[in-house]
Structure formats: C-alpha cells, structure tokens
Amino acid sequence: MSSIPEHLKFTYEDYLLLPEDRRYEIIGGDLFMTPSPKRAHQKISLNLATILWLFAKAHGLGEVYEAPFDVLFSRHDVVQPDVLFVSRENLSIVGEYNIQGAPDLIIEILSPSTAERDLDLKKKLYARHAVKEYWIVDPDARKVTVYLWKDNDYIKTGVYGEEDSWQPHLLPGLTIKGKEVFA
C-alpha cells in the first residue's frame, strides 16, 4: 500500500490523541481527516440508520450505529463508516467506545472529499476483513450499490435508485425503498 516506515505510521494510540472536533480515520497507517458532510449526506445517513435500526430492534437482530463511531480493524486501520450494523451473533465486538472487528454491514455515503477513498481504499479494507455486506450510496446519482463479500472479495449484487426497492441479505424480511432513503 505505502512505503512509509513502520515507526512513522499512525496507530490507534496516536489516533486517540487527536483533537475531538474533526472526523479522522487511519487506513494502512495513513491519517485522513474528513470534513463535515453536506446536508443531503446527513439526511440519507439518518434515513438509512432509522430504517435499519427500527427493523433490527423489532426483530432482535443486532445493533445499528452511525458515525462517528470507531471501527478498529487493527492498530493501523481505524475507520468511521457512515452507518453500520452488527448482528446479534457478533455483538461481542462492540465496546463502549468502538467496535473491534468487522461489522456485518457497512454503508458509506459518498462525499466529494471521501468518494475515492470509499470506492477504493475502504472497499479493499472491508473486503480484507470480511465485512459481509457493503453499500455505497451516491447522493448525487441517487443510487445505492450493494456488494456481498464472497471468495475474499466483493461481488456487486445490485444498483438501486429512488424508484427501486431491495432486501438486505443480512436482514431477511426487510424491504428498503429508494424513495425512503433519498426522501
């Protein structure tokens, strides 16, 4: 990934010392600062988190979280996905201040400042750590692309717009309507 010497890479311990007024992530030991997202991004995030949370809670399936909430894959890989779901079976990875391990579902909502990272670095990171389902939401195109982890990589299972609906593989019985996501 990068050729930065190990002693110059950021760690989780370094991350904890950063100022609290910004969103930071570490991928491969490289530090990234993420500015506050736009209004549309926040509305989509809240819509998705609410839909998932209500269904997961009603059926006792697990827990849903929104950024900022740290996901620690390793000392050199700490991210804050926009929305994530941890199944009941995996709740042991959820701590008071972070998640240590791979959530079952991660959703990233593209912003101009993070799109390249979400589509490349983070997608590879999530595949490497076997995140079972990964969604990329494009607020401008008003599309959700769904990937499933299979054979150590992601396969695209669908692209859904405002007029479409889909069923998350990890939440059987839930139907998500694009018009509710992008409302």
N, C-alpha and C. Protein backbone atom coordinates (compact mmCIF):
# COMPACT_ATOMS: atom_id res chain seq x y z
N MET A 1 0.84 -1.18 0.00
CA MET A 1 0.00 0.00 0.00
C MET A 1 0.88 1.25 0.00
N SER A 2 1.62 1.52 1.11
CA SER A 2 2.52 2.66 1.13
C SER A 2 3.87 2.20 1.63
N SER A 3 4.87 2.99 1.35
CA SER A 3 6.21 2.59 1.75
C SER A 3 6.72 3.42 2.93
N ILE A 4 5.83 3.88 3.75
CA ILE A 4 6.20 4.65 4.94
C ILE A 4 6.75 3.69 5.98
N PRO A 5 7.91 4.01 6.56
CA PRO A 5 8.47 3.13 7.59
C PRO A 5 7.48 2.94 8.75
N GLU A 6 7.48 1.75 9.33
CA GLU A 6 6.54 1.39 10.40
C GLU A 6 6.55 2.40 11.54
N HIS A 7 7.73 2.92 11.92
CA HIS A 7 7.79 3.85 13.04
C HIS A 7 7.18 5.21 12.73
N LEU A 8 6.85 5.49 11.45
CA LEU A 8 6.22 6.75 11.08
C LEU A 8 4.73 6.60 10.79
N LYS A 9 4.19 5.41 10.91
CA LYS A 9 2.78 5.19 10.64
C LYS A 9 1.95 5.52 11.89
N PHE A 10 0.75 6.01 11.65
CA PHE A 10 -0.16 6.31 12.75
C PHE A 10 -0.72 5.01 13.33
N THR A 11 -0.94 5.02 14.63
CA THR A 11 -1.53 3.89 15.33
C THR A 11 -2.81 4.34 16.01
N TYR A 12 -3.53 3.39 16.57
CA TYR A 12 -4.73 3.72 17.32
C TYR A 12 -4.40 4.60 18.52
N GLU A 13 -3.25 4.35 19.13
CA GLU A 13 -2.84 5.17 20.28
C GLU A 13 -2.63 6.63 19.86
N ASP A 14 -2.04 6.85 18.68
CA ASP A 14 -1.88 8.22 18.15
C ASP A 14 -3.24 8.84 17.87
N TYR A 15 -4.11 8.05 17.30
CA TYR A 15 -5.46 8.48 16.93
C TYR A 15 -6.20 9.03 18.15
N LEU A 16 -6.07 8.36 19.29
CA LEU A 16 -6.76 8.80 20.50
C LEU A 16 -6.29 10.17 20.99
N LEU A 17 -5.12 10.60 20.57
CA LEU A 17 -4.58 11.89 20.98
C LEU A 17 -5.00 13.04 20.08
N LEU A 18 -5.69 12.76 18.97
CA LEU A 18 -6.09 13.80 18.02
C LEU A 18 -7.21 14.65 18.60
N PRO A 19 -7.32 15.91 18.15
CA PRO A 19 -8.41 16.77 18.62
C PRO A 19 -9.77 16.15 18.32
N GLU A 20 -10.74 16.40 19.18
CA GLU A 20 -12.05 15.77 19.07
C GLU A 20 -13.01 16.48 18.13
N ASP A 21 -12.64 17.60 17.54
CA ASP A 21 -13.59 18.36 16.74
C ASP A 21 -13.55 18.01 15.25
N ARG A 22 -12.90 16.95 14.88
CA ARG A 22 -12.81 16.52 13.50
C ARG A 22 -13.04 15.01 13.41
N ARG A 23 -13.41 14.54 12.22
CA ARG A 23 -13.51 13.10 11.98
C ARG A 23 -12.22 12.64 11.32
N TYR A 24 -11.58 11.70 11.96
CA TYR A 24 -10.34 11.14 11.45
C TYR A 24 -10.50 9.66 11.19
N GLU A 25 -9.68 9.16 10.26
CA GLU A 25 -9.59 7.73 10.00
C GLU A 25 -8.14 7.40 9.72
N ILE A 26 -7.77 6.16 10.00
CA ILE A 26 -6.43 5.66 9.67
C ILE A 26 -6.63 4.44 8.80
N ILE A 27 -6.02 4.46 7.62
CA ILE A 27 -6.07 3.32 6.71
C ILE A 27 -4.65 3.00 6.30
N GLY A 28 -4.20 1.81 6.64
CA GLY A 28 -2.84 1.41 6.33
C GLY A 28 -1.80 2.27 7.02
N GLY A 29 -2.17 2.85 8.15
CA GLY A 29 -1.26 3.71 8.89
C GLY A 29 -1.24 5.15 8.41
N ASP A 30 -1.97 5.46 7.35
CA ASP A 30 -2.05 6.83 6.84
C ASP A 30 -3.26 7.53 7.46
N LEU A 31 -3.06 8.78 7.91
CA LEU A 31 -4.10 9.54 8.57
C LEU A 31 -4.90 10.35 7.56
N PHE A 32 -6.24 10.27 7.67
CA PHE A 32 -7.14 11.03 6.82
C PHE A 32 -8.07 11.84 7.71
N MET A 33 -8.29 13.12 7.34
CA MET A 33 -9.25 13.95 8.04
C MET A 33 -10.45 14.10 7.11
N THR A 34 -11.64 13.96 7.67
CA THR A 34 -12.86 14.06 6.89
C THR A 34 -13.65 15.27 7.36
N PRO A 35 -13.91 16.22 6.46
CA PRO A 35 -14.73 17.37 6.86
C PRO A 35 -16.18 16.96 7.08
N SER A 36 -16.93 17.83 7.71
CA SER A 36 -18.35 17.55 7.95
C SER A 36 -19.06 17.33 6.62
N PRO A 37 -19.97 16.35 6.58
CA PRO A 37 -20.69 16.09 5.34
C PRO A 37 -21.79 17.11 5.07
N LYS A 38 -22.26 17.10 3.81
CA LYS A 38 -23.34 18.00 3.41
C LYS A 38 -24.67 17.55 3.99
N ARG A 39 -25.64 18.42 3.89
CA ARG A 39 -26.99 18.17 4.43
C ARG A 39 -27.61 16.90 3.83
N ALA A 40 -27.53 16.74 2.51
CA ALA A 40 -28.12 15.56 1.87
C ALA A 40 -27.50 14.28 2.41
N HIS A 41 -26.20 14.30 2.62
CA HIS A 41 -25.48 13.15 3.17
C HIS A 41 -26.05 12.80 4.54
N GLN A 42 -26.23 13.79 5.38
CA GLN A 42 -26.74 13.57 6.73
C GLN A 42 -28.17 13.04 6.72
N LYS A 43 -29.00 13.56 5.83
CA LYS A 43 -30.38 13.09 5.75
C LYS A 43 -30.43 11.64 5.31
N ILE A 44 -29.63 11.27 4.32
CA ILE A 44 -29.59 9.88 3.85
C ILE A 44 -29.08 8.97 4.95
N SER A 45 -28.06 9.41 5.64
CA SER A 45 -27.50 8.61 6.74
C SER A 45 -28.55 8.36 7.81
N LEU A 46 -29.25 9.40 8.20
CA LEU A 46 -30.29 9.27 9.22
C LEU A 46 -31.43 8.37 8.73
N ASN A 47 -31.84 8.54 7.47
CA ASN A 47 -32.91 7.70 6.92
C ASN A 47 -32.52 6.23 6.96
N LEU A 48 -31.32 5.91 6.47
CA LEU A 48 -30.88 4.52 6.44
C LEU A 48 -30.73 3.95 7.85
N ALA A 49 -30.10 4.71 8.72
CA ALA A 49 -29.90 4.24 10.09
C ALA A 49 -31.25 3.99 10.77
N THR A 50 -32.21 4.85 10.55
CA THR A 50 -33.53 4.70 11.17
C THR A 50 -34.24 3.45 10.64
N ILE A 51 -34.23 3.27 9.32
CA ILE A 51 -34.86 2.10 8.71
C ILE A 51 -34.24 0.81 9.28
N LEU A 52 -32.92 0.75 9.27
CA LEU A 52 -32.23 -0.45 9.76
C LEU A 52 -32.45 -0.65 11.26
N TRP A 53 -32.34 0.44 12.03
CA TRP A 53 -32.46 0.35 13.48
C TRP A 53 -33.85 -0.15 13.89
N LEU A 54 -34.89 0.44 13.30
CA LEU A 54 -36.25 0.03 13.65
C LEU A 54 -36.48 -1.46 13.37
N PHE A 55 -36.00 -1.92 12.22
CA PHE A 55 -36.20 -3.33 11.85
C PHE A 55 -35.36 -4.25 12.74
N ALA A 56 -34.08 -3.91 12.92
CA ALA A 56 -33.19 -4.75 13.74
C ALA A 56 -33.70 -4.83 15.18
N LYS A 57 -34.15 -3.71 15.71
CA LYS A 57 -34.66 -3.69 17.09
C LYS A 57 -35.94 -4.51 17.22
N ALA A 58 -36.85 -4.33 16.29
CA ALA A 58 -38.13 -5.03 16.35
C ALA A 58 -37.97 -6.55 16.26
N HIS A 59 -36.91 -7.00 15.58
CA HIS A 59 -36.71 -8.43 15.37
C HIS A 59 -35.53 -9.00 16.17
N GLY A 60 -34.93 -8.18 17.02
CA GLY A 60 -33.82 -8.64 17.84
C GLY A 60 -32.63 -9.15 17.04
N LEU A 61 -32.33 -8.46 15.94
CA LEU A 61 -31.30 -8.95 15.01
C LEU A 61 -29.89 -8.44 15.31
N GLY A 62 -29.79 -7.33 16.04
CA GLY A 62 -28.48 -6.75 16.30
C GLY A 62 -28.60 -5.26 16.55
N GLU A 63 -27.48 -4.55 16.33
CA GLU A 63 -27.44 -3.11 16.62
C GLU A 63 -26.95 -2.32 15.41
N VAL A 64 -27.44 -1.08 15.31
CA VAL A 64 -27.10 -0.17 14.22
C VAL A 64 -26.43 1.06 14.82
N TYR A 65 -25.37 1.54 14.17
CA TYR A 65 -24.65 2.73 14.63
C TYR A 65 -24.39 3.66 13.46
N GLU A 66 -24.25 4.96 13.79
CA GLU A 66 -23.90 5.99 12.82
C GLU A 66 -22.57 6.61 13.22
N ALA A 67 -21.90 7.19 12.23
CA ALA A 67 -20.67 7.94 12.51
C ALA A 67 -21.01 9.16 13.36
N PRO A 68 -20.13 9.54 14.24
CA PRO A 68 -18.81 8.96 14.44
C PRO A 68 -18.83 7.83 15.48
N PHE A 69 -18.40 6.66 15.07
CA PHE A 69 -18.20 5.53 15.96
C PHE A 69 -17.08 4.71 15.34
N ASP A 70 -15.97 4.58 16.07
CA ASP A 70 -14.77 3.96 15.53
C ASP A 70 -14.94 2.47 15.31
N VAL A 71 -14.42 2.00 14.18
CA VAL A 71 -14.29 0.58 13.89
C VAL A 71 -12.79 0.30 13.78
N LEU A 72 -12.29 -0.52 14.70
CA LEU A 72 -10.87 -0.88 14.72
C LEU A 72 -10.69 -2.23 14.06
N PHE A 73 -10.05 -2.23 12.91
CA PHE A 73 -9.70 -3.49 12.27
C PHE A 73 -8.31 -3.93 12.73
N SER A 74 -7.46 -2.93 13.01
CA SER A 74 -6.10 -3.19 13.50
C SER A 74 -5.59 -1.87 14.08
N ARG A 75 -4.37 -1.88 14.61
CA ARG A 75 -3.78 -0.63 15.12
C ARG A 75 -3.63 0.41 14.02
N HIS A 76 -3.48 -0.06 12.78
CA HIS A 76 -3.23 0.84 11.65
C HIS A 76 -4.45 1.03 10.75
N ASP A 77 -5.60 0.51 11.14
CA ASP A 77 -6.81 0.64 10.35
C ASP A 77 -8.00 0.94 11.26
N VAL A 78 -8.34 2.24 11.34
CA VAL A 78 -9.44 2.71 12.18
C VAL A 78 -10.32 3.61 11.32
N VAL A 79 -11.57 3.23 11.14
CA VAL A 79 -12.47 3.99 10.27
C VAL A 79 -13.76 4.34 11.01
N GLN A 80 -14.50 5.27 10.42
CA GLN A 80 -15.80 5.67 10.95
C GLN A 80 -16.82 5.59 9.82
N PRO A 81 -17.35 4.40 9.55
CA PRO A 81 -18.36 4.27 8.49
C PRO A 81 -19.57 5.14 8.81
N ASP A 82 -20.27 5.55 7.76
CA ASP A 82 -21.44 6.40 7.96
C ASP A 82 -22.53 5.67 8.74
N VAL A 83 -22.82 4.43 8.36
CA VAL A 83 -23.81 3.60 9.05
C VAL A 83 -23.27 2.18 9.08
N LEU A 84 -23.53 1.47 10.17
CA LEU A 84 -23.10 0.07 10.22
C LEU A 84 -24.07 -0.74 11.06
N PHE A 85 -24.06 -2.04 10.79
CA PHE A 85 -24.91 -2.99 11.51
C PHE A 85 -24.04 -4.13 12.01
N VAL A 86 -24.23 -4.50 13.27
CA VAL A 86 -23.57 -5.65 13.86
C VAL A 86 -24.66 -6.62 14.29
N SER A 87 -24.60 -7.84 13.76
CA SER A 87 -25.62 -8.83 14.09
C SER A 87 -25.54 -9.26 15.55
N ARG A 88 -26.63 -9.77 16.05
CA ARG A 88 -26.70 -10.25 17.43
C ARG A 88 -25.57 -11.25 17.72
N GLU A 89 -25.26 -12.10 16.77
CA GLU A 89 -24.22 -13.11 16.95
C GLU A 89 -22.83 -12.50 17.10
N ASN A 90 -22.62 -11.30 16.62
CA ASN A 90 -21.30 -10.66 16.65
C ASN A 90 -21.20 -9.50 17.64
N LEU A 91 -22.19 -9.33 18.50
CA LEU A 91 -22.19 -8.18 19.41
C LEU A 91 -21.00 -8.14 20.36
N SER A 92 -20.29 -9.24 20.50
CA SER A 92 -19.11 -9.24 21.38
C SER A 92 -18.02 -8.30 20.87
N ILE A 93 -18.07 -7.88 19.60
CA ILE A 93 -17.05 -6.96 19.07
C ILE A 93 -17.37 -5.50 19.41
N VAL A 94 -18.56 -5.23 19.92
CA VAL A 94 -18.99 -3.86 20.21
C VAL A 94 -18.59 -3.50 21.63
N GLY A 95 -17.75 -2.47 21.75
CA GLY A 95 -17.35 -1.97 23.05
C GLY A 95 -18.03 -0.65 23.34
N GLU A 96 -17.69 -0.06 24.46
CA GLU A 96 -18.30 1.21 24.86
C GLU A 96 -17.89 2.35 23.94
N TYR A 97 -16.64 2.32 23.44
CA TYR A 97 -16.10 3.43 22.65
C TYR A 97 -15.82 3.08 21.20
N ASN A 98 -15.88 1.79 20.85
CA ASN A 98 -15.55 1.40 19.49
C ASN A 98 -16.00 -0.03 19.21
N ILE A 99 -15.82 -0.41 17.96
CA ILE A 99 -16.06 -1.78 17.53
C ILE A 99 -14.71 -2.36 17.16
N GLN A 100 -14.39 -3.51 17.69
CA GLN A 100 -13.11 -4.15 17.42
C GLN A 100 -13.35 -5.39 16.57
N GLY A 101 -13.27 -5.20 15.26
CA GLY A 101 -13.51 -6.28 14.32
C GLY A 101 -14.44 -5.81 13.22
N ALA A 102 -14.90 -6.76 12.43
CA ALA A 102 -15.69 -6.44 11.24
C ALA A 102 -17.19 -6.43 11.54
N PRO A 103 -17.84 -5.27 11.35
CA PRO A 103 -19.30 -5.25 11.39
C PRO A 103 -19.85 -6.13 10.26
N ASP A 104 -21.10 -6.51 10.35
CA ASP A 104 -21.70 -7.34 9.31
C ASP A 104 -22.04 -6.52 8.06
N LEU A 105 -22.49 -5.30 8.26
CA LEU A 105 -22.87 -4.41 7.16
C LEU A 105 -22.25 -3.04 7.40
N ILE A 106 -21.63 -2.50 6.35
CA ILE A 106 -21.12 -1.13 6.40
C ILE A 106 -21.71 -0.37 5.23
N ILE A 107 -22.16 0.86 5.51
CA ILE A 107 -22.70 1.75 4.48
C ILE A 107 -21.86 3.01 4.47
N GLU A 108 -21.34 3.35 3.29
CA GLU A 108 -20.62 4.61 3.10
C GLU A 108 -21.42 5.47 2.13
N ILE A 109 -21.59 6.74 2.48
CA ILE A 109 -22.30 7.70 1.65
C ILE A 109 -21.26 8.62 1.04
N LEU A 110 -21.20 8.65 -0.28
CA LEU A 110 -20.15 9.39 -0.96
C LEU A 110 -20.27 10.89 -0.74
N SER A 111 -19.13 11.51 -0.52
CA SER A 111 -18.97 12.95 -0.46
C SER A 111 -17.81 13.28 -1.39
N PRO A 112 -17.76 14.49 -1.92
CA PRO A 112 -16.64 14.83 -2.81
C PRO A 112 -15.27 14.56 -2.18
N SER A 113 -15.15 14.81 -0.89
CA SER A 113 -13.84 14.65 -0.24
C SER A 113 -13.51 13.21 0.13
N THR A 114 -14.50 12.30 0.10
CA THR A 114 -14.25 10.92 0.53
C THR A 114 -14.56 9.87 -0.53
N ALA A 115 -15.12 10.25 -1.66
CA ALA A 115 -15.59 9.28 -2.65
C ALA A 115 -14.49 8.32 -3.10
N GLU A 116 -13.35 8.85 -3.46
CA GLU A 116 -12.27 7.99 -3.94
C GLU A 116 -11.84 6.99 -2.87
N ARG A 117 -11.74 7.46 -1.64
CA ARG A 117 -11.35 6.59 -0.52
C ARG A 117 -12.41 5.51 -0.27
N ASP A 118 -13.69 5.89 -0.29
CA ASP A 118 -14.78 4.93 -0.06
C ASP A 118 -14.83 3.86 -1.15
N LEU A 119 -14.59 4.27 -2.39
CA LEU A 119 -14.70 3.36 -3.53
C LEU A 119 -13.47 2.47 -3.70
N ASP A 120 -12.35 2.86 -3.13
CA ASP A 120 -11.13 2.08 -3.34
C ASP A 120 -10.53 1.58 -2.02
N LEU A 121 -9.90 2.46 -1.28
CA LEU A 121 -9.19 2.05 -0.06
C LEU A 121 -10.10 1.35 0.94
N LYS A 122 -11.23 1.96 1.22
CA LYS A 122 -12.12 1.37 2.22
C LYS A 122 -12.76 0.08 1.71
N LYS A 123 -13.13 0.05 0.45
CA LYS A 123 -13.71 -1.17 -0.10
C LYS A 123 -12.71 -2.33 0.03
N LYS A 124 -11.45 -2.09 -0.28
CA LYS A 124 -10.42 -3.12 -0.15
C LYS A 124 -10.21 -3.50 1.32
N LEU A 125 -10.22 -2.49 2.20
CA LEU A 125 -10.07 -2.75 3.63
C LEU A 125 -11.21 -3.63 4.15
N TYR A 126 -12.43 -3.28 3.77
CA TYR A 126 -13.59 -4.03 4.24
C TYR A 126 -13.58 -5.46 3.69
N ALA A 127 -13.18 -5.62 2.45
CA ALA A 127 -13.08 -6.97 1.88
C ALA A 127 -12.00 -7.77 2.59
N ARG A 128 -10.87 -7.15 2.87
CA ARG A 128 -9.77 -7.83 3.55
C ARG A 128 -10.20 -8.33 4.93
N HIS A 129 -11.12 -7.62 5.57
CA HIS A 129 -11.58 -8.00 6.91
C HIS A 129 -12.95 -8.70 6.89
N ALA A 130 -13.39 -9.09 5.70
CA ALA A 130 -14.59 -9.91 5.52
C ALA A 130 -15.87 -9.27 6.05
N VAL A 131 -16.04 -7.97 5.81
CA VAL A 131 -17.33 -7.33 6.09
C VAL A 131 -18.32 -7.95 5.10
N LYS A 132 -19.37 -8.56 5.60
CA LYS A 132 -20.25 -9.39 4.77
C LYS A 132 -21.01 -8.62 3.69
N GLU A 133 -21.41 -7.39 4.01
CA GLU A 133 -22.19 -6.61 3.05
C GLU A 133 -21.71 -5.16 3.11
N TYR A 134 -21.52 -4.56 1.93
CA TYR A 134 -21.01 -3.18 1.84
C TYR A 134 -21.88 -2.43 0.83
N TRP A 135 -22.42 -1.29 1.28
CA TRP A 135 -23.23 -0.46 0.41
C TRP A 135 -22.52 0.86 0.18
N ILE A 136 -22.56 1.31 -1.07
CA ILE A 136 -22.07 2.63 -1.44
C ILE A 136 -23.30 3.44 -1.87
N VAL A 137 -23.53 4.56 -1.22
CA VAL A 137 -24.66 5.42 -1.55
C VAL A 137 -24.12 6.66 -2.24
N ASP A 138 -24.63 6.93 -3.43
CA ASP A 138 -24.25 8.12 -4.19
C ASP A 138 -25.41 9.11 -4.14
N PRO A 139 -25.29 10.15 -3.30
CA PRO A 139 -26.39 11.10 -3.15
C PRO A 139 -26.70 11.88 -4.43
N ASP A 140 -25.67 12.16 -5.24
CA ASP A 140 -25.89 12.93 -6.47
C ASP A 140 -26.64 12.10 -7.51
N ALA A 141 -26.22 10.85 -7.70
CA ALA A 141 -26.88 9.96 -8.66
C ALA A 141 -28.14 9.34 -8.08
N ARG A 142 -28.30 9.46 -6.75
CA ARG A 142 -29.43 8.89 -6.03
C ARG A 142 -29.52 7.39 -6.29
N LYS A 143 -28.38 6.73 -6.04
CA LYS A 143 -28.24 5.29 -6.26
C LYS A 143 -27.54 4.65 -5.06
N VAL A 144 -27.91 3.40 -4.79
CA VAL A 144 -27.26 2.59 -3.77
C VAL A 144 -26.71 1.35 -4.46
N THR A 145 -25.41 1.13 -4.35
CA THR A 145 -24.78 -0.06 -4.91
C THR A 145 -24.50 -1.02 -3.77
N VAL A 146 -24.97 -2.26 -3.92
CA VAL A 146 -24.84 -3.27 -2.87
C VAL A 146 -23.81 -4.31 -3.30
N TYR A 147 -22.87 -4.59 -2.37
CA TYR A 147 -21.84 -5.61 -2.59
C TYR A 147 -21.95 -6.66 -1.49
N LEU A 148 -21.74 -7.91 -1.87
CA LEU A 148 -21.66 -9.01 -0.91
C LEU A 148 -20.25 -9.57 -0.94
N TRP A 149 -19.74 -9.92 0.24
CA TRP A 149 -18.41 -10.50 0.37
C TRP A 149 -18.50 -11.98 0.02
N LYS A 150 -17.69 -12.38 -0.95
CA LYS A 150 -17.67 -13.79 -1.36
C LYS A 150 -16.30 -14.10 -1.94
N ASP A 151 -15.74 -15.21 -1.51
CA ASP A 151 -14.43 -15.65 -2.02
C ASP A 151 -13.36 -14.57 -1.86
N ASN A 152 -13.34 -13.94 -0.67
CA ASN A 152 -12.33 -12.94 -0.31
C ASN A 152 -12.41 -11.64 -1.11
N ASP A 153 -13.55 -11.36 -1.72
CA ASP A 153 -13.72 -10.10 -2.43
C ASP A 153 -15.21 -9.78 -2.49
N TYR A 154 -15.54 -8.63 -3.06
CA TYR A 154 -16.93 -8.24 -3.18
C TYR A 154 -17.46 -8.52 -4.57
N ILE A 155 -18.71 -8.95 -4.61
CA ILE A 155 -19.43 -9.04 -5.87
C ILE A 155 -20.60 -8.07 -5.78
N LYS A 156 -20.82 -7.35 -6.86
CA LYS A 156 -21.93 -6.40 -6.91
C LYS A 156 -23.22 -7.18 -7.14
N THR A 157 -24.18 -6.99 -6.24
CA THR A 157 -25.44 -7.71 -6.37
C THR A 157 -26.59 -6.84 -6.88
N GLY A 158 -26.38 -5.53 -6.92
CA GLY A 158 -27.42 -4.66 -7.44
C GLY A 158 -27.11 -3.19 -7.28
N VAL A 159 -27.76 -2.40 -8.13
CA VAL A 159 -27.71 -0.94 -8.04
C VAL A 159 -29.16 -0.47 -8.01
N TYR A 160 -29.51 0.29 -6.98
CA TYR A 160 -30.91 0.65 -6.75
C TYR A 160 -31.07 2.16 -6.68
N GLY A 161 -32.12 2.65 -7.34
CA GLY A 161 -32.40 4.07 -7.35
C GLY A 161 -33.63 4.42 -6.55
N GLU A 162 -34.09 5.64 -6.71
CA GLU A 162 -35.24 6.14 -5.96
C GLU A 162 -36.51 5.33 -6.18
N GLU A 163 -36.69 4.80 -7.36
CA GLU A 163 -37.92 4.08 -7.69
C GLU A 163 -37.81 2.58 -7.40
N ASP A 164 -36.66 2.15 -6.91
CA ASP A 164 -36.43 0.72 -6.66
C ASP A 164 -36.60 0.39 -5.18
N SER A 165 -36.65 -0.91 -4.92
CA SER A 165 -36.60 -1.41 -3.54
C SER A 165 -35.73 -2.65 -3.56
N TRP A 166 -35.16 -2.97 -2.39
CA TRP A 166 -34.29 -4.14 -2.28
C TRP A 166 -34.36 -4.70 -0.87
N GLN A 167 -33.89 -5.93 -0.75
CA GLN A 167 -33.87 -6.60 0.54
C GLN A 167 -32.44 -6.87 0.95
N PRO A 168 -31.99 -6.30 2.06
CA PRO A 168 -30.63 -6.57 2.53
C PRO A 168 -30.46 -8.07 2.81
N HIS A 169 -29.36 -8.62 2.39
CA HIS A 169 -29.11 -10.05 2.59
C HIS A 169 -29.01 -10.40 4.07
N LEU A 170 -28.54 -9.47 4.87
CA LEU A 170 -28.32 -9.74 6.29
C LEU A 170 -29.55 -9.49 7.17
N LEU A 171 -30.57 -8.88 6.60
CA LEU A 171 -31.78 -8.56 7.37
C LEU A 171 -33.00 -9.12 6.62
N PRO A 172 -33.16 -10.44 6.63
CA PRO A 172 -34.27 -11.04 5.90
C PRO A 172 -35.61 -10.51 6.40
N GLY A 173 -36.48 -10.22 5.41
CA GLY A 173 -37.80 -9.70 5.75
C GLY A 173 -37.90 -8.19 5.62
N LEU A 174 -36.75 -7.50 5.56
CA LEU A 174 -36.75 -6.04 5.42
C LEU A 174 -36.71 -5.68 3.94
N THR A 175 -37.58 -4.79 3.54
CA THR A 175 -37.54 -4.22 2.19
C THR A 175 -37.26 -2.74 2.32
N ILE A 176 -36.22 -2.29 1.65
CA ILE A 176 -35.84 -0.87 1.68
C ILE A 176 -36.29 -0.24 0.38
N LYS A 177 -36.96 0.89 0.49
CA LYS A 177 -37.44 1.62 -0.68
C LYS A 177 -36.53 2.82 -0.93
N GLY A 178 -36.07 2.94 -2.15
CA GLY A 178 -35.18 4.04 -2.51
C GLY A 178 -35.78 5.39 -2.18
N LYS A 179 -37.08 5.54 -2.40
CA LYS A 179 -37.71 6.85 -2.13
C LYS A 179 -37.63 7.21 -0.64
N GLU A 180 -37.57 6.20 0.25
CA GLU A 180 -37.44 6.49 1.68
C GLU A 180 -35.98 6.84 2.03
N VAL A 181 -35.06 6.24 1.33
CA VAL A 181 -33.64 6.53 1.57
C VAL A 181 -33.31 7.95 1.15
N PHE A 182 -33.82 8.35 -0.02
CA PHE A 182 -33.47 9.66 -0.58
C PHE A 182 -34.51 10.75 -0.27
N ALA A 183 -35.46 10.47 0.62
CA ALA A 183 -36.51 11.44 0.95
C ALA A 183 -35.91 12.71 1.53
